């Protein structure tokens, strides 16, 4: 496997883990993708595509979710080490 392919695989894994965390946070809050998108000024169609892995998540998408869903705090409560993101 080429280095480029390994990089693509690694970024896909990071996006997958982040999408799982977003979905878990939404479920814990009793929120939907639509309500989260509306509350945060995010395009619902694009957000759905990101969470399905159909489009690439941008860094600002990750930061937005970290801030608005308090993902860091949730990981701390769950006892996850920062490297397990």
PDB file of N, CA and C in Angstrom:
ATOM      1  N   UNK A   1       0.849  -1.169   0.000  1.00  0.00           N
ATOM      2  CA  UNK A   1       0.000   0.000   0.000  1.00  0.00           C
ATOM      3  C   UNK A   1       0.901   1.240   0.000  1.00  0.00           C
ATOM      4  N   UNK A   2       0.549   2.220  -0.809  1.00  0.00           N
ATOM      5  CA  UNK A   2       1.354   3.440  -0.896  1.00  0.00           C
ATOM      6  C   UNK A   2       1.151   4.311   0.340  1.00  0.00           C
ATOM      7  N   UNK A   3       2.081   5.235   0.539  1.00  0.00           N
ATOM      8  CA  UNK A   3       1.951   6.154   1.664  1.00  0.00           C
ATOM      9  C   UNK A   3       0.688   6.994   1.526  1.00  0.00           C
ATOM     10  N   UNK A   4       0.365   7.384   0.307  1.00  0.00           N
ATOM     11  CA  UNK A   4      -0.841   8.178   0.070  1.00  0.00           C
ATOM     12  C   UNK A   4      -2.097   7.385   0.442  1.00  0.00           C
ATOM     13  N   UNK A   5      -2.115   6.127   0.078  1.00  0.00           N
ATOM     14  CA  UNK A   5      -3.262   5.279   0.411  1.00  0.00           C
ATOM     15  C   UNK A   5      -3.366   5.083   1.926  1.00  0.00           C
ATOM     16  N   UNK A   6      -2.221   4.935   2.581  1.00  0.00           N
ATOM     17  CA  UNK A   6      -2.222   4.809   4.041  1.00  0.00           C
ATOM     18  C   UNK A   6      -2.732   6.090   4.697  1.00  0.00           C
ATOM     19  N   UNK A   7      -2.351   7.235   4.140  1.00  0.00           N
ATOM     20  CA  UNK A   7      -2.842   8.513   4.661  1.00  0.00           C
ATOM     21  C   UNK A   7      -4.353   8.622   4.504  1.00  0.00           C
ATOM     22  N   UNK A   8      -4.863   8.222   3.345  1.00  0.00           N
ATOM     23  CA  UNK A   8      -6.305   8.272   3.107  1.00  0.00           C
ATOM     24  C   UNK A   8      -7.045   7.336   4.059  1.00  0.00           C
ATOM     25  N   UNK A   9      -6.501   6.165   4.283  1.00  0.00           N
ATOM     26  CA  UNK A   9      -7.112   5.217   5.208  1.00  0.00           C
ATOM     27  C   UNK A   9      -7.103   5.774   6.629  1.00  0.00           C
ATOM     28  N   UNK A  10      -5.998   6.368   7.017  1.00  0.00           N
ATOM     29  CA  UNK A  10      -5.896   6.944   8.357  1.00  0.00           C
ATOM     30  C   UNK A  10      -6.889   8.078   8.561  1.00  0.00           C
ATOM     31  N   UNK A  11      -7.034   8.940   7.579  1.00  0.00           N
ATOM     32  CA  UNK A  11      -7.984  10.048   7.724  1.00  0.00           C
ATOM     33  C   UNK A  11      -9.423   9.539   7.717  1.00  0.00           C
ATOM     34  N   UNK A  12      -9.692   8.499   6.949  1.00  0.00           N
ATOM     35  CA  UNK A  12     -11.041   7.915   6.952  1.00  0.00           C
ATOM     36  C   UNK A  12     -11.369   7.338   8.327  1.00  0.00           C
ATOM     37  N   UNK A  13     -10.398   6.712   8.962  1.00  0.00           N
ATOM     38  CA  UNK A  13     -10.613   6.170  10.308  1.00  0.00           C
ATOM     39  C   UNK A  13     -10.889   7.282  11.318  1.00  0.00           C
ATOM     40  N   UNK A  14     -10.131   8.384  11.212  1.00  0.00           N
ATOM     41  CA  UNK A  14     -10.351   9.513  12.122  1.00  0.00           C
ATOM     42  C   UNK A  14     -11.752  10.078  11.927  1.00  0.00           C
ATOM     43  N   UNK A  15     -12.157  10.245  10.673  1.00  0.00           N
ATOM     44  CA  UNK A  15     -13.498  10.770  10.405  1.00  0.00           C
ATOM     45  C   UNK A  15     -14.564   9.824  10.939  1.00  0.00           C
ATOM     46  N   UNK A  16     -14.353   8.532  10.792  1.00  0.00           N
ATOM     47  CA  UNK A  16     -15.327   7.549  11.267  1.00  0.00           C
ATOM     48  C   UNK A  16     -15.487   7.628  12.787  1.00  0.00           C
ATOM     49  N   UNK A  17     -14.380   7.702  13.497  1.00  0.00           N
ATOM     50  CA  UNK A  17     -14.427   7.793  14.961  1.00  0.00           C
ATOM     51  C   UNK A  17     -15.131   9.085  15.378  1.00  0.00           C
ATOM     52  N   UNK A  18     -14.787  10.177  14.716  1.00  0.00           N
ATOM     53  CA  UNK A  18     -15.409  11.461  15.058  1.00  0.00           C
ATOM     54  C   UNK A  18     -16.915  11.414  14.769  1.00  0.00           C
ATOM     55  N   UNK A  19     -17.304  10.834  13.650  1.00  0.00           N
ATOM     56  CA  UNK A  19     -18.730  10.720  13.321  1.00  0.00           C
ATOM     57  C   UNK A  19     -19.464   9.879  14.366  1.00  0.00           C
ATOM     58  N   UNK A  20     -18.838   8.811  14.836  1.00  0.00           N
ATOM     59  CA  UNK A  20     -19.456   7.990  15.886  1.00  0.00           C
ATOM     60  C   UNK A  20     -19.650   8.807  17.159  1.00  0.00           C
ATOM     61  N   UNK A  21     -18.667   9.642  17.501  1.00  0.00           N
ATOM     62  CA  UNK A  21     -18.776  10.472  18.696  1.00  0.00           C
ATOM     63  C   UNK A  21     -19.890  11.504  18.550  1.00  0.00           C
ATOM     64  N   UNK A  22     -20.016  12.081  17.372  1.00  0.00           N
ATOM     65  CA  UNK A  22     -21.087  13.045  17.126  1.00  0.00           C
ATOM     66  C   UNK A  22     -22.441  12.362  17.258  1.00  0.00           C
ATOM     67  N   UNK A  23     -22.591  11.211  16.618  1.00  0.00           N
ATOM     68  CA  UNK A  23     -23.865  10.483  16.694  1.00  0.00           C
ATOM     69  C   UNK A  23     -24.203  10.087  18.134  1.00  0.00           C
ATOM     70  N   UNK A  24     -23.206   9.650  18.885  1.00  0.00           N
ATOM     71  CA  UNK A  24     -23.434   9.264  20.284  1.00  0.00           C
ATOM     72  C   UNK A  24     -23.849  10.473  21.117  1.00  0.00           C
ATOM     73  N   UNK A  25     -23.207  11.609  20.889  1.00  0.00           N
ATOM     74  CA  UNK A  25     -23.551  12.826  21.632  1.00  0.00           C
ATOM     75  C   UNK A  25     -24.966  13.281  21.289  1.00  0.00           C
ATOM     76  N   UNK A  26     -25.328  13.221  20.022  1.00  0.00           N
ATOM     77  CA  UNK A  26     -26.685  13.594  19.619  1.00  0.00           C
ATOM     78  C   UNK A  26     -27.707  12.668  20.278  1.00  0.00           C
ATOM     79  N   UNK A  27     -27.421  11.384  20.268  1.00  0.00           N
ATOM     80  CA  UNK A  27     -28.343  10.412  20.882  1.00  0.00           C
ATOM     81  C   UNK A  27     -28.470  10.669  22.385  1.00  0.00           C
ATOM     82  N   UNK A  28     -27.352  10.936  23.035  1.00  0.00           N
ATOM     83  CA  UNK A  28     -27.372  11.195  24.482  1.00  0.00           C
ATOM     84  C   UNK A  28     -28.160  12.451  24.812  1.00  0.00           C
ATOM     85  N   UNK A  29     -28.131  13.410  23.898  1.00  0.00           N
ATOM     86  CA  UNK A  29     -28.850  14.667  24.110  1.00  0.00           C
ATOM     87  C   UNK A  29     -30.296  14.601  23.614  1.00  0.00           C
ATOM     88  N   UNK A  30     -30.671  13.482  23.004  1.00  0.00           N
ATOM     89  CA  UNK A  30     -32.011  13.369  22.435  1.00  0.00           C
ATOM     90  C   UNK A  30     -32.205  14.276  21.235  1.00  0.00           C
ATOM     91  N   UNK A  31     -31.115  14.579  20.547  1.00  0.00           N
ATOM     92  CA  UNK A  31     -31.154  15.480  19.395  1.00  0.00           C
ATOM     93  C   UNK A  31     -31.081  14.679  18.096  1.00  0.00           C
ATOM     94  N   UNK A  32     -31.480  15.324  17.034  1.00  0.00           N
ATOM     95  CA  UNK A  32     -31.381  14.728  15.699  1.00  0.00           C
ATOM     96  C   UNK A  32     -30.329  15.485  14.902  1.00  0.00           C
ATOM     97  N   UNK A  33     -29.930  14.902  13.788  1.00  0.00           N
ATOM     98  CA  UNK A  33     -29.002  15.593  12.899  1.00  0.00           C
ATOM     99  C   UNK A  33     -29.630  16.905  12.446  1.00  0.00           C
ATOM    100  N   UNK A  34     -30.913  16.869  12.131  1.00  0.00           N
ATOM    101  CA  UNK A  34     -31.605  18.075  11.659  1.00  0.00           C
ATOM    102  C   UNK A  34     -31.626  19.160  12.726  1.00  0.00           C
ATOM    103  N   UNK A  35     -31.938  18.796  13.968  1.00  0.00           N
ATOM    104  CA  UNK A  35     -32.005  19.814  15.024  1.00  0.00           C
ATOM    105  C   UNK A  35     -30.623  20.369  15.333  1.00  0.00           C
ATOM    106  N   UNK A  36     -29.612  19.510  15.350  1.00  0.00           N
ATOM    107  CA  UNK A  36     -28.241  19.966  15.590  1.00  0.00           C
ATOM    108  C   UNK A  36     -27.796  20.921  14.485  1.00  0.00           C
ATOM    109  N   UNK A  37     -28.053  20.544  13.239  1.00  0.00           N
ATOM    110  CA  UNK A  37     -27.658  21.386  12.106  1.00  0.00           C
ATOM    111  C   UNK A  37     -28.341  22.748  12.185  1.00  0.00           C
ATOM    112  N   UNK A  38     -29.631  22.747  12.483  1.00  0.00           N
ATOM    113  CA  UNK A  38     -30.379  24.007  12.566  1.00  0.00           C
ATOM    114  C   UNK A  38     -29.849  24.880  13.700  1.00  0.00           C
ATOM    115  N   UNK A  39     -29.618  24.294  14.854  1.00  0.00           N
ATOM    116  CA  UNK A  39     -29.151  25.046  16.018  1.00  0.00           C
ATOM    117  C   UNK A  39     -27.756  25.636  15.822  1.00  0.00           C
ATOM    118  N   UNK A  40     -26.964  25.016  14.959  1.00  0.00           N
ATOM    119  CA  UNK A  40     -25.577  25.445  14.780  1.00  0.00           C
ATOM    120  C   UNK A  40     -25.290  26.064  13.423  1.00  0.00           C
ATOM    121  N   UNK A  41     -26.337  26.309  12.640  1.00  0.00           N
ATOM    122  CA  UNK A  41     -26.154  26.948  11.348  1.00  0.00           C
ATOM    123  C   UNK A  41     -25.378  26.110  10.348  1.00  0.00           C
ATOM    124  N   UNK A  42     -25.514  24.806  10.469  1.00  0.00           N
ATOM    125  CA  UNK A  42     -24.826  23.875   9.586  1.00  0.00           C
ATOM    126  C   UNK A  42     -25.823  23.326   8.571  1.00  0.00           C
ATOM    127  N   UNK A  43     -25.371  23.103   7.352  1.00  0.00           N
ATOM    128  CA  UNK A  43     -26.234  22.523   6.330  1.00  0.00           C
ATOM    129  C   UNK A  43     -26.510  21.061   6.674  1.00  0.00           C
ATOM    130  N   UNK A  44     -27.799  20.728   6.855  1.00  0.00           N
ATOM    131  CA  UNK A  44     -28.168  19.381   7.282  1.00  0.00           C
ATOM    132  C   UNK A  44     -27.764  18.322   6.259  1.00  0.00           C
ATOM    133  N   UNK A  45     -27.931  18.621   4.990  1.00  0.00           N
ATOM    134  CA  UNK A  45     -27.573  17.647   3.949  1.00  0.00           C
ATOM    135  C   UNK A  45     -26.089  17.334   4.002  1.00  0.00           C
ATOM    136  N   UNK A  46     -25.278  18.374   4.110  1.00  0.00           N
ATOM    137  CA  UNK A  46     -23.830  18.166   4.173  1.00  0.00           C
ATOM    138  C   UNK A  46     -23.441  17.421   5.443  1.00  0.00           C
ATOM    139  N   UNK A  47     -24.057  17.778   6.565  1.00  0.00           N
ATOM    140  CA  UNK A  47     -23.746  17.104   7.818  1.00  0.00           C
ATOM    141  C   UNK A  47     -24.079  15.612   7.723  1.00  0.00           C
ATOM    142  N   UNK A  48     -25.217  15.290   7.159  1.00  0.00           N
ATOM    143  CA  UNK A  48     -25.577  13.883   6.974  1.00  0.00           C
ATOM    144  C   UNK A  48     -24.566  13.145   6.115  1.00  0.00           C
ATOM    145  N   UNK A  49     -24.114  13.804   5.060  1.00  0.00           N
ATOM    146  CA  UNK A  49     -23.110  13.191   4.183  1.00  0.00           C
ATOM    147  C   UNK A  49     -21.784  12.984   4.913  1.00  0.00           C
ATOM    148  N   UNK A  50     -21.422  13.948   5.743  1.00  0.00           N
ATOM    149  CA  UNK A  50     -20.186  13.814   6.525  1.00  0.00           C
ATOM    150  C   UNK A  50     -20.291  12.612   7.461  1.00  0.00           C
ATOM    151  N   UNK A  51     -21.417  12.523   8.176  1.00  0.00           N
ATOM    152  CA  UNK A  51     -21.575  11.449   9.162  1.00  0.00           C
ATOM    153  C   UNK A  51     -21.676  10.073   8.504  1.00  0.00           C
ATOM    154  N   UNK A  52     -22.101  10.022   7.254  1.00  0.00           N
ATOM    155  CA  UNK A  52     -22.124   8.753   6.512  1.00  0.00           C
ATOM    156  C   UNK A  52     -20.792   8.442   5.852  1.00  0.00           C
ATOM    157  N   UNK A  53     -19.908   9.444   5.806  1.00  0.00           N
ATOM    158  CA  UNK A  53     -18.616   9.245   5.158  1.00  0.00           C
ATOM    159  C   UNK A  53     -18.662   9.488   3.664  1.00  0.00           C
ATOM    160  N   UNK A  54     -19.734  10.109   3.185  1.00  0.00           N
ATOM    161  CA  UNK A  54     -19.861  10.380   1.755  1.00  0.00           C
ATOM    162  C   UNK A  54     -19.000  11.558   1.309  1.00  0.00           C
ATOM    163  N   UNK A  55     -18.746  12.503   2.216  1.00  0.00           N
ATOM    164  CA  UNK A  55     -17.875  13.638   1.915  1.00  0.00           C
ATOM    165  C   UNK A  55     -16.837  13.766   3.027  1.00  0.00           C
ATOM    166  N   UNK A  56     -15.747  14.413   2.711  1.00  0.00           N
ATOM    167  CA  UNK A  56     -14.652  14.554   3.662  1.00  0.00           C
ATOM    168  C   UNK A  56     -14.983  15.628   4.690  1.00  0.00           C
ATOM    169  N   UNK A  57     -14.764  15.303   5.929  1.00  0.00           N
ATOM    170  CA  UNK A  57     -14.958  16.237   7.036  1.00  0.00           C
ATOM    171  C   UNK A  57     -13.799  17.236   7.049  1.00  0.00           C
ATOM    172  N   UNK A  58     -14.134  18.504   7.149  1.00  0.00           N
ATOM    173  CA  UNK A  58     -13.103  19.534   7.258  1.00  0.00           C
ATOM    174  C   UNK A  58     -12.736  19.696   8.737  1.00  0.00           C
ATOM    175  N   UNK A  59     -11.573  20.269   8.957  1.00  0.00           N
ATOM    176  CA  UNK A  59     -11.135  20.490  10.334  1.00  0.00           C
ATOM    177  C   UNK A  59     -12.130  21.379  11.067  1.00  0.00           C
ATOM    178  N   UNK A  60     -12.668  22.398  10.377  1.00  0.00           N
ATOM    179  CA  UNK A  60     -13.631  23.267  11.052  1.00  0.00           C
ATOM    180  C   UNK A  60     -14.909  22.526  11.429  1.00  0.00           C
ATOM    181  N   UNK A  61     -15.263  21.472  10.682  1.00  0.00           N
ATOM    182  CA  UNK A  61     -16.414  20.638  11.063  1.00  0.00           C
ATOM    183  C   UNK A  61     -16.134  19.928  12.384  1.00  0.00           C
ATOM    184  N   UNK A  62     -14.908  19.445  12.525  1.00  0.00           N
ATOM    185  CA  UNK A  62     -14.522  18.754  13.751  1.00  0.00           C
ATOM    186  C   UNK A  62     -14.509  19.711  14.936  1.00  0.00           C
ATOM    187  N   UNK A  63     -13.951  20.895  14.720  1.00  0.00           N
ATOM    188  CA  UNK A  63     -13.868  21.886  15.794  1.00  0.00           C
ATOM    189  C   UNK A  63     -15.268  22.339  16.200  1.00  0.00           C
ATOM    190  N   UNK A  64     -16.152  22.521  15.213  1.00  0.00           N
ATOM    191  CA  UNK A  64     -17.529  22.919  15.497  1.00  0.00           C
ATOM    192  C   UNK A  64     -18.205  21.888  16.393  1.00  0.00           C
ATOM    193  N   UNK A  65     -18.061  20.620  16.070  1.00  0.00           N
ATOM    194  CA  UNK A  65     -18.680  19.565  16.875  1.00  0.00           C
ATOM    195  C   UNK A  65     -18.035  19.473  18.252  1.00  0.00           C
ATOM    196  N   UNK A  66     -16.710  19.615  18.304  1.00  0.00           N
ATOM    197  CA  UNK A  66     -16.008  19.593  19.595  1.00  0.00           C
ATOM    198  C   UNK A  66     -16.591  20.655  20.528  1.00  0.00           C
ATOM    199  N   UNK A  67     -16.790  21.861  19.974  1.00  0.00           N
ATOM    200  CA  UNK A  67     -17.271  22.985  20.775  1.00  0.00           C
ATOM    201  C   UNK A  67     -18.763  22.837  21.099  1.00  0.00           C
ATOM    202  N   UNK A  68     -19.579  22.617  20.096  1.00  0.00           N
ATOM    203  CA  UNK A  68     -21.027  22.635  20.295  1.00  0.00           C
ATOM    204  C   UNK A  68     -21.576  21.405  21.012  1.00  0.00           C
ATOM    205  N   UNK A  69     -20.930  20.272  20.835  1.00  0.00           N
ATOM    206  CA  UNK A  69     -21.387  19.049  21.511  1.00  0.00           C
ATOM    207  C   UNK A  69     -20.536  18.725  22.741  1.00  0.00           C
ATOM    208  N   UNK A  70     -19.529  19.574  22.998  1.00  0.00           N
ATOM    209  CA  UNK A  70     -18.645  19.389  24.142  1.00  0.00           C
ATOM    210  C   UNK A  70     -18.033  17.979  24.160  1.00  0.00           C
ATOM    211  N   UNK A  71     -17.526  17.579  22.997  1.00  0.00           N
ATOM    212  CA  UNK A  71     -16.990  16.224  22.861  1.00  0.00           C
ATOM    213  C   UNK A  71     -15.797  15.964  23.763  1.00  0.00           C
ATOM    214  N   UNK A  72     -14.939  16.965  23.954  1.00  0.00           N
ATOM    215  CA  UNK A  72     -13.786  16.761  24.850  1.00  0.00           C
ATOM    216  C   UNK A  72     -14.238  16.464  26.265  1.00  0.00           C
ATOM    217  N   UNK A  73     -15.216  17.210  26.734  1.00  0.00           N
ATOM    218  CA  UNK A  73     -15.723  16.996  28.084  1.00  0.00           C
ATOM    219  C   UNK A  73     -16.359  15.613  28.206  1.00  0.00           C
ATOM    220  N   UNK A  74     -17.072  15.204  27.176  1.00  0.00           N
ATOM    221  CA  UNK A  74     -17.713  13.879  27.198  1.00  0.00           C
ATOM    222  C   UNK A  74     -16.655  12.774  27.245  1.00  0.00           C
ATOM    223  N   UNK A  75     -15.561  12.955  26.488  1.00  0.00           N
ATOM    224  CA  UNK A  75     -14.495  11.944  26.519  1.00  0.00           C
ATOM    225  C   UNK A  75     -13.834  11.910  27.888  1.00  0.00           C
ATOM    226  N   UNK A  76     -13.650  13.074  28.499  1.00  0.00           N
ATOM    227  CA  UNK A  76     -13.040  13.132  29.837  1.00  0.00           C
ATOM    228  C   UNK A  76     -13.898  12.420  30.858  1.00  0.00           C
ATOM    229  N   UNK A  77     -15.206  12.623  30.787  1.00  0.00           N
ATOM    230  CA  UNK A  77     -16.130  11.955  31.710  1.00  0.00           C
ATOM    231  C   UNK A  77     -16.099  10.446  31.496  1.00  0.00           C
ATOM    232  N   UNK A  78     -15.963  10.058  30.228  1.00  0.00           N
ATOM    233  CA  UNK A  78     -15.919   8.630  29.891  1.00  0.00           C
ATOM    234  C   UNK A  78     -14.575   8.003  30.251  1.00  0.00           C
ATOM    235  N   UNK A  79     -13.596   8.837  30.612  1.00  0.00           N
ATOM    236  CA  UNK A  79     -12.289   8.328  31.006  1.00  0.00           C
ATOM    237  C   UNK A  79     -11.390   7.975  29.837  1.00  0.00           C
ATOM    238  N   UNK A  80     -11.687   8.512  28.677  1.00  0.00           N
ATOM    239  CA  UNK A  80     -10.836   8.230  27.501  1.00  0.00           C
ATOM    240  C   UNK A  80      -9.622   9.121  27.531  1.00  0.00           C
ATOM    241  N   UNK A  81      -8.505   8.547  27.132  1.00  0.00           N
ATOM    242  CA  UNK A  81      -7.282   9.338  26.994  1.00  0.00           C
ATOM    243  C   UNK A  81      -7.396  10.174  25.726  1.00  0.00           C
ATOM    244  N   UNK A  82      -6.750  11.341  25.665  1.00  0.00           N
ATOM    245  CA  UNK A  82      -6.824  12.181  24.467  1.00  0.00           C
ATOM    246  C   UNK A  82      -6.428  11.446  23.195  1.00  0.00           C
ATOM    247  N   UNK A  83      -5.529  10.483  23.283  1.00  0.00           N
ATOM    248  CA  UNK A  83      -5.096   9.760  22.086  1.00  0.00           C
ATOM    249  C   UNK A  83      -6.174   8.818  21.542  1.00  0.00           C
ATOM    250  N   UNK A  84      -7.251   8.603  22.274  1.00  0.00           N
ATOM    251  CA  UNK A  84      -8.296   7.686  21.831  1.00  0.00           C
ATOM    252  C   UNK A  84      -9.399   8.393  21.046  1.00  0.00           C
ATOM    253  N   UNK A  85      -9.166   9.609  20.623  1.00  0.00           N
ATOM    254  CA  UNK A  85     -10.165  10.357  19.870  1.00  0.00           C
ATOM    255  C   UNK A  85     -10.490   9.730  18.582  1.00  0.00           C
TER     256      UNK A  85
END
